[in-house]
N, C-alpha and C. Protein backbone atom coordinates (compact mmCIF):
# COMPACT_ATOMS: atom_id res chain seq x y z
N MET A 1 124.52 115.12 111.88
CA MET A 1 124.00 114.75 110.63
C MET A 1 122.49 114.40 110.56
N SER A 2 121.53 115.06 110.14
CA SER A 2 120.13 114.73 110.36
C SER A 2 119.86 113.50 109.08
N GLU A 3 119.17 112.78 109.32
CA GLU A 3 118.22 111.79 107.94
C GLU A 3 117.48 112.83 107.63
N GLN A 4 117.38 112.27 106.20
CA GLN A 4 116.22 112.94 105.05
C GLN A 4 114.73 112.38 106.06
N THR A 5 114.28 113.17 105.43
CA THR A 5 112.08 113.18 105.93
C THR A 5 111.54 113.18 104.58
N MET A 6 110.21 113.10 104.79
CA MET A 6 109.75 112.99 103.58
C MET A 6 109.28 114.13 103.32
N ARG A 7 108.91 114.62 102.50
CA ARG A 7 108.26 115.73 102.14
C ARG A 7 106.68 115.52 102.16
N ALA A 8 106.03 116.48 103.15
CA ALA A 8 104.26 116.80 103.03
C ALA A 8 103.48 116.48 101.82
N ASP A 9 104.68 117.27 100.58
CA ASP A 9 103.77 116.92 99.44
C ASP A 9 103.70 115.49 98.85
N ASP A 10 104.39 114.44 99.26
CA ASP A 10 104.91 113.20 98.96
C ASP A 10 103.46 111.94 99.94
N ALA A 11 102.85 112.85 100.58
CA ALA A 11 101.56 111.90 101.22
C ALA A 11 100.53 111.75 99.67
N VAL A 12 100.23 110.69 99.62
CA VAL A 12 98.94 110.85 99.01
C VAL A 12 97.50 111.51 99.29
N TYR A 13 97.25 112.02 98.28
CA TYR A 13 95.80 112.86 98.89
C TYR A 13 94.77 111.52 98.11
N GLY A 14 93.82 111.22 99.37
CA GLY A 14 93.10 109.95 98.81
C GLY A 14 91.55 110.52 98.07
N SER A 15 91.38 111.51 97.89
CA SER A 15 90.14 112.01 96.61
C SER A 15 90.53 111.71 95.84
N LEU A 16 91.90 111.53 95.31
CA LEU A 16 92.42 111.86 94.20
C LEU A 16 92.26 110.12 93.21
N ALA A 17 91.69 109.60 93.94
CA ALA A 17 91.63 107.98 93.47
C ALA A 17 90.73 107.87 92.63
N SER A 18 90.69 106.64 91.96
CA SER A 18 89.24 106.15 91.00
C SER A 18 89.54 104.83 91.28
N CYS A 19 88.35 104.32 90.98
CA CYS A 19 87.68 102.72 91.46
C CYS A 19 86.72 102.47 90.06
N TYR A 20 86.82 101.28 89.17
CA TYR A 20 86.09 100.89 88.29
C TYR A 20 86.08 99.51 88.86
N ILE A 21 84.70 99.09 88.26
CA ILE A 21 84.34 97.73 88.51
C ILE A 21 83.51 97.27 87.75
N THR A 22 84.45 95.67 87.07
CA THR A 22 83.80 95.30 86.02
C THR A 22 83.00 93.94 86.11
N ILE A 23 81.76 93.64 85.82
CA ILE A 23 80.80 92.79 85.84
C ILE A 23 80.38 92.29 84.52
N ASP A 24 80.71 91.13 84.35
CA ASP A 24 80.14 90.40 83.07
C ASP A 24 80.49 91.07 81.70
N GLY A 25 81.23 91.78 81.84
CA GLY A 25 82.23 92.61 80.51
C GLY A 25 81.92 93.96 80.33
N ARG A 26 80.94 94.37 81.65
CA ARG A 26 80.55 95.93 81.48
C ARG A 26 81.44 96.27 82.74
N ARG A 27 82.15 97.80 82.03
CA ARG A 27 83.13 98.53 83.15
C ARG A 27 82.18 99.43 83.46
N TRP A 28 82.11 99.99 84.81
CA TRP A 28 81.48 101.22 85.39
C TRP A 28 82.48 101.73 86.08
N ASN A 29 82.63 103.05 86.15
CA ASN A 29 83.57 103.98 86.59
C ASN A 29 82.52 104.23 88.15
N PHE A 30 83.16 103.51 89.49
CA PHE A 30 82.58 103.36 90.76
C PHE A 30 82.76 104.41 91.34
N MET A 31 82.47 106.22 90.53
CA MET A 31 82.54 107.48 91.28
C MET A 31 81.94 107.71 92.87
N ASN A 32 81.03 106.50 92.63
CA ASN A 32 79.95 107.14 93.75
C ASN A 32 80.62 106.47 95.42
N ILE A 33 81.81 105.86 95.20
CA ILE A 33 82.39 105.19 96.15
C ILE A 33 82.65 106.28 97.26
N ILE A 34 83.14 106.20 98.36
CA ILE A 34 83.80 107.24 99.51
C ILE A 34 84.93 106.65 100.07
N ASP A 35 85.05 105.23 100.18
CA ASP A 35 86.00 104.92 100.62
C ASP A 35 86.52 103.47 100.38
N PHE A 36 87.38 102.85 100.35
CA PHE A 36 87.80 101.42 99.60
C PHE A 36 88.83 101.12 100.29
N GLU A 37 89.20 100.03 101.00
CA GLU A 37 90.04 99.27 101.18
C GLU A 37 90.23 97.71 101.03
N SER A 38 91.22 97.21 100.66
CA SER A 38 91.22 95.29 100.23
C SER A 38 92.29 95.59 101.06
N LYS A 39 92.49 93.98 101.64
CA LYS A 39 93.66 93.19 102.53
C LYS A 39 93.64 91.85 101.91
N TYR A 40 95.33 91.85 101.92
CA TYR A 40 95.53 90.42 101.61
C TYR A 40 96.22 89.82 103.15
N GLU A 41 95.26 88.95 103.46
CA GLU A 41 95.76 88.26 104.78
C GLU A 41 96.38 87.17 104.44
N ILE A 42 97.64 86.63 105.12
CA ILE A 42 98.34 85.38 104.80
C ILE A 42 98.04 84.77 105.93
N ASN A 43 98.03 83.74 105.80
CA ASN A 43 97.81 82.59 107.06
C ASN A 43 98.82 82.14 107.30
N VAL A 44 99.41 82.01 108.43
CA VAL A 44 100.79 81.68 108.99
C VAL A 44 100.44 80.36 109.91
N SER A 45 101.02 79.34 109.70
CA SER A 45 100.87 78.32 110.56
C SER A 45 102.46 78.28 111.27
N ASP A 46 101.69 77.68 112.61
CA ASP A 46 102.86 77.51 113.33
C ASP A 46 103.63 75.99 112.95
N VAL A 47 104.67 75.85 113.49
CA VAL A 47 105.68 74.82 112.59
C VAL A 47 106.55 74.23 114.21
N LYS A 48 106.04 73.16 114.82
CA LYS A 48 106.89 72.76 115.80
C LYS A 48 108.05 72.09 115.36
N ILE A 49 109.21 72.58 116.01
CA ILE A 49 110.42 71.92 115.92
C ILE A 49 111.55 71.53 116.55
N LEU A 50 111.60 70.42 116.73
CA LEU A 50 112.24 69.67 117.82
C LEU A 50 113.41 70.22 117.75
N GLY A 51 113.90 70.39 118.95
CA GLY A 51 115.43 70.83 119.55
C GLY A 51 115.36 72.55 119.91
N ARG A 52 114.29 73.03 119.31
CA ARG A 52 113.86 74.40 119.68
C ARG A 52 113.08 74.81 120.75
N THR A 53 112.91 76.02 121.49
CA THR A 53 112.07 76.22 122.18
C THR A 53 111.06 77.27 121.72
N SER A 54 111.65 77.72 120.65
CA SER A 54 110.64 78.55 119.76
C SER A 54 109.63 77.98 118.86
N MET A 55 108.51 78.14 118.43
CA MET A 55 107.80 77.50 117.22
C MET A 55 108.59 78.41 115.77
N GLY A 56 108.32 77.80 114.95
CA GLY A 56 108.58 78.11 113.65
C GLY A 56 107.29 78.77 113.14
N HIS A 57 107.32 79.42 111.79
CA HIS A 57 105.96 80.08 111.12
C HIS A 57 106.57 79.71 109.66
N LYS A 58 105.46 79.45 108.86
CA LYS A 58 105.43 79.14 107.86
C LYS A 58 103.68 79.66 106.85
N PRO A 59 104.24 80.40 105.88
CA PRO A 59 102.84 81.09 105.43
C PRO A 59 102.59 79.71 104.70
N ALA A 60 100.80 79.81 105.01
CA ALA A 60 100.31 78.54 104.13
C ALA A 60 98.94 79.19 103.71
N GLY A 61 98.50 79.64 102.62
CA GLY A 61 97.65 80.38 101.90
C GLY A 61 97.28 81.87 102.23
N ALA A 62 96.65 82.35 101.67
CA ALA A 62 96.01 83.98 102.01
C ALA A 62 94.28 83.73 101.53
N LYS A 63 93.89 84.71 101.97
CA LYS A 63 92.58 85.31 101.98
C LYS A 63 92.78 86.71 101.55
N GLY A 64 91.85 87.17 100.73
CA GLY A 64 91.54 88.42 100.41
C GLY A 64 89.90 89.09 100.80
N THR A 65 90.47 90.40 101.04
CA THR A 65 88.99 91.03 101.40
C THR A 65 89.17 92.28 100.82
N TRP A 66 87.54 93.19 100.96
CA TRP A 66 87.55 94.74 100.43
C TRP A 66 86.40 94.88 101.10
N SER A 67 86.13 96.11 101.48
CA SER A 67 85.16 96.85 102.27
C SER A 67 85.13 98.27 101.78
N GLY A 68 84.01 98.98 101.85
CA GLY A 68 83.71 100.46 101.56
C GLY A 68 82.55 101.07 101.89
N THR A 69 82.78 102.09 101.51
CA THR A 69 81.30 102.88 101.65
C THR A 69 81.21 103.66 100.44
N ALA A 70 79.43 103.31 99.98
CA ALA A 70 79.45 104.53 99.30
C ALA A 70 78.03 104.88 99.11
N HIS A 71 78.09 105.58 98.14
CA HIS A 71 76.71 106.83 98.36
C HIS A 71 75.35 106.07 98.02
N TYR A 72 74.27 105.80 98.48
CA TYR A 72 73.53 105.02 98.17
C TYR A 72 72.29 105.55 96.76
N ASN A 73 73.40 105.32 96.08
CA ASN A 73 72.23 106.53 94.46
C ASN A 73 72.75 104.92 93.06
N GLN A 74 73.16 104.34 93.42
CA GLN A 74 73.62 103.16 92.46
C GLN A 74 72.84 101.59 92.57
N SER A 75 72.01 101.18 91.24
CA SER A 75 71.88 99.56 91.76
C SER A 75 72.47 98.41 91.37
N ILE A 76 73.77 98.74 90.72
CA ILE A 76 75.10 97.84 90.65
C ILE A 76 74.99 96.62 91.22
N MET A 77 75.47 96.77 92.71
CA MET A 77 75.34 96.08 93.79
C MET A 77 74.14 95.35 93.81
N ARG A 78 73.08 95.83 94.14
CA ARG A 78 71.82 94.85 94.33
C ARG A 78 71.18 94.25 93.07
N THR A 79 71.87 94.52 91.92
CA THR A 79 71.73 93.48 90.59
C THR A 79 72.14 92.39 90.51
N ILE A 80 73.83 92.31 91.67
CA ILE A 80 74.05 91.01 91.58
C ILE A 80 73.44 90.38 92.45
N ALA A 81 72.95 90.83 93.63
CA ALA A 81 72.50 90.06 94.59
C ALA A 81 70.98 89.80 93.90
N LEU A 82 70.27 90.59 93.08
CA LEU A 82 69.04 89.85 92.62
C LEU A 82 69.19 88.74 91.68
N LYS A 83 70.38 88.64 90.55
CA LYS A 83 71.09 87.70 89.79
C LYS A 83 71.06 86.32 90.78
N TYR A 84 72.11 86.61 91.76
CA TYR A 84 72.00 85.56 92.72
C TYR A 84 70.72 84.60 93.60
N LYS A 85 69.88 85.37 94.02
CA LYS A 85 68.77 85.14 94.30
C LYS A 85 67.92 84.47 93.31
N ARG A 86 68.09 85.05 91.59
CA ARG A 86 67.19 83.87 90.77
C ARG A 86 67.55 83.24 90.26
N THR A 87 68.72 83.15 90.52
CA THR A 87 69.43 82.00 89.52
C THR A 87 70.23 80.87 90.60
N GLY A 88 71.14 81.50 91.69
CA GLY A 88 72.16 80.89 92.41
C GLY A 88 73.45 80.99 91.94
N PHE A 89 73.25 81.92 90.84
CA PHE A 89 74.89 82.20 90.26
C PHE A 89 75.17 83.62 90.77
N MET A 90 76.44 84.01 91.11
CA MET A 90 77.01 85.04 91.65
C MET A 90 77.87 85.17 90.39
N SER A 91 77.86 86.28 89.76
CA SER A 91 79.12 86.58 88.85
C SER A 91 80.22 87.39 89.48
N PRO A 92 81.16 86.58 88.99
CA PRO A 92 82.47 87.26 89.93
C PRO A 92 83.17 88.34 89.28
N PHE A 93 83.56 89.41 89.86
CA PHE A 93 83.54 90.82 89.27
C PHE A 93 85.00 91.24 89.32
N GLU A 94 85.36 92.25 89.01
CA GLU A 94 87.14 93.11 88.83
C GLU A 94 86.60 94.11 89.53
N ILE A 95 87.64 94.78 90.65
CA ILE A 95 87.53 96.02 91.11
C ILE A 95 89.14 96.36 90.75
N GLN A 96 89.35 97.88 90.01
CA GLN A 96 90.52 98.41 89.61
C GLN A 96 90.61 99.89 90.60
N VAL A 97 91.82 99.67 91.25
CA VAL A 97 91.88 100.81 92.19
C VAL A 97 93.42 101.49 91.59
N THR A 98 93.20 103.06 91.31
CA THR A 98 94.24 103.62 91.06
C THR A 98 94.53 104.77 91.82
N ASN A 99 95.35 104.91 92.50
CA ASN A 99 95.97 106.25 93.77
C ASN A 99 96.99 107.01 93.01
N GLU A 100 96.61 108.32 92.51
CA GLU A 100 97.88 108.96 91.55
C GLU A 100 97.28 110.60 92.33
N ASP A 101 98.29 111.07 92.72
CA ASP A 101 98.44 112.66 93.33
C ASP A 101 99.60 113.14 92.54
N PRO A 102 99.18 113.83 91.86
CA PRO A 102 100.10 114.64 90.77
C PRO A 102 101.07 115.52 91.65
N SER A 103 100.72 115.99 92.85
CA SER A 103 101.67 116.67 93.78
C SER A 103 102.66 115.76 94.60
N SER A 104 102.56 114.56 94.45
CA SER A 104 103.56 113.85 95.10
C SER A 104 104.41 112.91 94.22
N ALA A 105 105.72 113.16 94.49
CA ALA A 105 106.65 112.42 93.69
C ALA A 105 106.60 110.31 93.39
N VAL A 106 105.73 110.00 94.02
CA VAL A 106 105.59 108.91 93.97
C VAL A 106 105.18 108.50 92.91
N GLY A 107 104.16 109.20 91.68
CA GLY A 107 103.52 108.54 90.86
C GLY A 107 102.12 108.00 90.86
N ARG A 108 102.26 107.01 90.33
CA ARG A 108 100.92 105.85 90.72
C ARG A 108 100.81 104.73 90.91
N GLN A 109 100.10 104.56 91.46
CA GLN A 109 99.89 103.02 91.77
C GLN A 109 98.28 102.23 91.15
N VAL A 110 98.58 101.30 90.60
CA VAL A 110 97.25 100.60 90.67
C VAL A 110 97.02 99.11 91.41
N ILE A 111 95.76 98.77 91.53
CA ILE A 111 95.77 97.52 92.13
C ILE A 111 94.53 97.05 91.47
N THR A 112 94.58 95.95 90.80
CA THR A 112 93.21 95.04 90.56
C THR A 112 93.13 93.86 91.22
N HIS A 113 91.87 93.66 91.29
CA HIS A 113 91.08 92.63 92.53
C HIS A 113 90.78 91.61 91.34
N MET A 114 91.13 90.54 91.30
CA MET A 114 90.18 89.64 90.51
C MET A 114 89.04 88.56 91.20
N GLY A 115 88.25 88.13 90.75
CA GLY A 115 87.35 87.18 91.04
C GLY A 115 86.55 87.52 92.29
N CYS A 116 85.94 88.75 92.23
CA CYS A 116 85.58 89.47 93.67
C CYS A 116 84.26 88.87 93.73
N LEU A 117 83.66 88.88 95.29
CA LEU A 117 82.32 88.89 95.49
C LEU A 117 81.96 89.41 96.57
N SER A 118 80.96 89.89 96.18
CA SER A 118 80.28 90.90 97.67
C SER A 118 79.49 89.47 98.64
N ASP A 119 79.32 90.10 99.67
CA ASP A 119 79.03 88.97 100.89
C ASP A 119 77.94 89.85 101.58
N THR A 120 77.63 91.02 101.36
CA THR A 120 76.88 91.47 101.67
C THR A 120 75.70 92.72 101.31
N PHE A 121 74.88 92.75 101.04
CA PHE A 121 73.56 93.66 100.16
C PHE A 121 72.91 94.86 100.75
N THR A 122 72.67 95.79 100.69
CA THR A 122 71.96 96.50 101.26
C THR A 122 70.75 97.06 100.18
N LEU A 123 69.13 96.31 100.69
CA LEU A 123 68.46 96.12 99.63
C LEU A 123 67.73 97.74 99.43
N ALA A 124 66.96 98.41 100.51
CA ALA A 124 66.65 99.29 100.34
C ALA A 124 66.76 100.05 101.84
N LYS A 125 66.51 101.52 101.93
CA LYS A 125 67.08 102.37 102.52
C LYS A 125 66.32 103.28 103.02
N PHE A 126 66.10 104.21 104.10
CA PHE A 126 66.07 105.52 103.96
C PHE A 126 66.08 105.66 105.42
N ALA A 127 66.30 107.34 105.79
CA ALA A 127 66.77 107.93 107.24
C ALA A 127 66.01 109.37 107.02
N ALA A 128 64.79 109.27 107.89
CA ALA A 128 64.16 110.81 108.38
C ALA A 128 65.46 111.52 108.45
N GLY A 129 65.04 112.91 107.54
CA GLY A 129 66.06 113.89 108.44
C GLY A 129 67.45 113.94 107.75
N GLU A 130 68.14 112.68 107.05
CA GLU A 130 69.37 112.40 106.95
C GLU A 130 69.30 113.14 105.51
N ASP A 131 71.15 114.03 105.63
CA ASP A 131 71.20 114.42 104.53
C ASP A 131 71.75 113.73 103.73
N LEU A 132 72.37 112.81 103.53
CA LEU A 132 72.77 112.25 102.41
C LEU A 132 72.92 110.09 102.37
N LEU A 133 72.50 109.21 102.03
CA LEU A 133 72.15 108.03 102.51
C LEU A 133 73.53 107.25 101.93
N GLU A 134 74.04 106.36 102.27
CA GLU A 134 75.58 105.71 102.04
C GLU A 134 75.06 104.36 102.49
N GLU A 135 75.58 103.35 101.19
CA GLU A 135 76.02 102.37 102.23
C GLU A 135 77.08 101.58 102.03
N ASP A 136 77.43 100.68 103.26
CA ASP A 136 78.66 99.56 103.50
C ASP A 136 78.51 98.65 102.45
N ILE A 137 79.89 98.43 101.46
CA ILE A 137 79.68 97.17 100.56
C ILE A 137 80.94 96.38 101.07
N SER A 138 81.02 94.95 100.39
CA SER A 138 82.23 94.66 101.28
C SER A 138 82.46 93.14 100.67
N GLY A 139 83.17 92.45 100.64
CA GLY A 139 83.32 90.96 100.06
C GLY A 139 84.86 90.48 100.30
N THR A 140 84.87 89.64 99.21
CA THR A 140 86.52 88.83 98.77
C THR A 140 86.83 88.61 97.84
N PHE A 141 88.15 88.53 97.49
CA PHE A 141 88.28 88.73 95.90
C PHE A 141 89.28 87.37 96.41
N ASP A 142 89.80 86.54 94.96
CA ASP A 142 90.65 85.34 94.63
C ASP A 142 92.01 85.93 94.31
N ASP A 143 92.20 86.95 94.20
CA ASP A 143 93.28 87.18 93.12
C ASP A 143 93.71 88.49 93.33
N TRP A 144 94.93 89.25 92.84
CA TRP A 144 95.22 90.61 92.63
C TRP A 144 96.36 90.58 91.74
N ASP A 145 96.59 91.74 91.30
CA ASP A 145 97.83 92.02 90.80
C ASP A 145 98.06 93.58 90.65
N MET A 146 99.17 93.90 90.53
CA MET A 146 99.58 95.63 90.56
C MET A 146 100.82 96.45 89.57
N PRO A 147 100.01 95.95 88.35
CA PRO A 147 100.51 96.60 87.41
C PRO A 147 101.56 97.89 87.16
N GLU A 148 101.02 98.96 88.37
CA GLU A 148 101.98 100.10 88.24
C GLU A 148 102.10 100.13 89.67
N LYS A 149 103.10 100.58 90.27
CA LYS A 149 103.78 100.35 91.44
C LYS A 149 104.19 101.86 91.79
N PHE A 150 104.17 102.82 92.92
CA PHE A 150 104.70 103.64 93.37
C PHE A 150 106.17 103.75 93.18
N LYS A 151 106.63 104.49 92.90
CA LYS A 151 108.12 105.25 93.13
C LYS A 151 108.48 105.06 94.12
N GLU A 152 110.01 104.82 94.26
CA GLU A 152 110.48 104.96 95.64
C GLU A 152 111.02 106.25 96.01
N LEU A 153 110.67 106.89 97.21
CA LEU A 153 110.84 108.35 97.36
C LEU A 153 112.31 108.47 97.50
N ALA A 154 112.88 109.57 97.28
CA ALA A 154 114.46 110.02 97.70
C ALA A 154 114.53 109.73 99.18
N GLY A 155 115.75 109.08 99.48
CA GLY A 155 115.99 108.57 100.92
C GLY A 155 115.82 107.88 101.04
N MET A 156 114.70 106.65 100.86
CA MET A 156 114.28 105.47 101.64
C MET A 156 115.49 104.56 101.50
């Protein structure tokens, strides 16, 4: 008897994602982003336990980070840096990413990142002979939510 396997159509095609960024109440379709990844890293502390040879472990806090690559054709991120340079205040913002591939049975997943800050800004750039200019973007987030989850595939 063979086990059920995933259908190839159920892999989610990444180009069909959408990304929106909201800064100071204004929402932009961040359609110029080429790739994006966010991570939620749990800090795990070692716990020494008397009478055991192995240490235990306990979650003790977490950190959210995000990174991506965008076409170098917007000034939204540089405007955040300019405001910080001039005032010393950086407005936290929100990034919402939706993955939805109509050919996949998993449906749609939405992740909302809140309290986002950027940590590196490309101010100016050029490259002679380069076809397209791109810029790396990255930062942190304080909180996140998942208002929509992928459906479980048959056989999981």
